[in-house]
Amino acid sequence: MVPSFRKFVGMVALVVFVVVYAFIAMVIGDMTLQKSSELVRFTYFGIAGLIWVIPAGAIIWWMEKGGKNRT
């Protein structure tokens, strides 16, 4: 795959992933933690707010691995 096209596809995938992930994490947190304490909600949203970094890093790694010249 051409590196510039790979980066474009990765960028689109990353934006879509982050938007969908944020929506799903928000809905799950809102629906399941309404009667929970502030500490539980804070912990959930703190963890959910950091977990997206792992798959986003995988997408960025995929974008960059095709950019090197292979001989």
Protein backbone atom coordinates (compact mmCIF):
# COMPACT_ATOMS: atom_id res chain seq x y z
CA MET A 1 0.00 0.00 0.00
CA VAL A 2 1.31 3.47 -0.84
CA PRO A 3 2.50 5.17 2.38
CA SER A 4 0.48 8.36 1.84
CA PHE A 5 -2.69 6.34 1.24
CA ARG A 6 -1.91 4.21 4.32
CA LYS A 7 -1.63 7.37 6.40
CA PHE A 8 -4.90 8.72 5.03
CA VAL A 9 -6.72 5.46 5.80
CA GLY A 10 -5.13 5.37 9.26
CA MET A 11 -6.12 8.97 9.97
CA VAL A 12 -9.74 8.31 8.99
CA ALA A 13 -9.79 5.09 11.03
CA LEU A 14 -8.30 6.89 14.03
CA VAL A 15 -10.86 9.70 13.96
CA VAL A 16 -13.77 7.29 13.52
CA PHE A 17 -12.44 5.03 16.28
CA VAL A 18 -12.01 7.87 18.79
CA VAL A 19 -15.49 9.29 18.13
CA VAL A 20 -17.19 5.87 18.34
CA TYR A 21 -15.17 4.85 21.40
CA ALA A 22 -15.97 8.08 23.24
CA PHE A 23 -19.67 7.71 22.50
CA ILE A 24 -19.78 4.06 23.61
CA ALA A 25 -17.77 4.76 26.79
CA MET A 26 -20.04 7.68 27.61
CA VAL A 27 -23.25 5.69 27.07
CA ILE A 28 -22.00 2.70 29.09
CA GLY A 29 -20.88 4.96 31.92
CA ASP A 30 -24.12 6.91 31.93
CA MET A 31 -26.40 3.87 31.79
CA THR A 32 -24.61 1.69 34.32
CA LEU A 33 -23.18 4.17 36.82
CA GLN A 34 -26.08 6.53 37.48
CA LYS A 35 -26.50 5.42 41.07
CA SER A 36 -22.83 4.87 41.79
CA SER A 37 -20.69 7.07 43.96
CA GLU A 38 -18.65 9.94 42.59
CA LEU A 39 -15.45 7.98 43.17
CA VAL A 40 -16.67 5.01 41.09
CA ARG A 41 -17.75 7.28 38.24
CA PHE A 42 -14.51 9.24 38.37
CA THR A 43 -12.50 6.01 38.28
CA TYR A 44 -14.52 4.57 35.39
CA PHE A 45 -14.26 7.68 33.24
CA GLY A 46 -10.59 8.08 34.11
CA ILE A 47 -9.79 4.54 32.99
CA ALA A 48 -12.08 4.76 29.95
CA GLY A 49 -10.42 8.04 29.07
CA LEU A 50 -7.00 6.39 28.96
CA ILE A 51 -7.79 2.96 27.45
CA TRP A 52 -8.33 4.36 23.94
CA VAL A 53 -4.59 5.06 23.71
CA ILE A 54 -3.74 1.36 23.20
CA PRO A 55 -5.79 0.77 20.01
CA ALA A 56 -4.95 4.27 18.77
CA GLY A 57 -1.28 3.43 19.17
CA ALA A 58 -1.80 0.26 17.15
CA ILE A 59 -3.41 2.26 14.34
CA ILE A 60 -0.57 4.78 14.38
CA TRP A 61 1.99 1.95 14.36
CA TRP A 62 0.24 0.44 11.32
CA MET A 63 0.28 3.82 9.59
CA GLU A 64 4.01 4.28 10.17
CA LYS A 65 5.24 0.75 9.45
CA GLY A 66 4.51 1.10 5.73
CA GLY A 67 6.39 4.38 5.43
CA LYS A 68 9.87 2.85 5.56
CA ASN A 69 11.73 1.82 2.41
CA ARG A 70 12.01 -1.95 2.31
CA THR A 71 14.86 -3.38 0.28
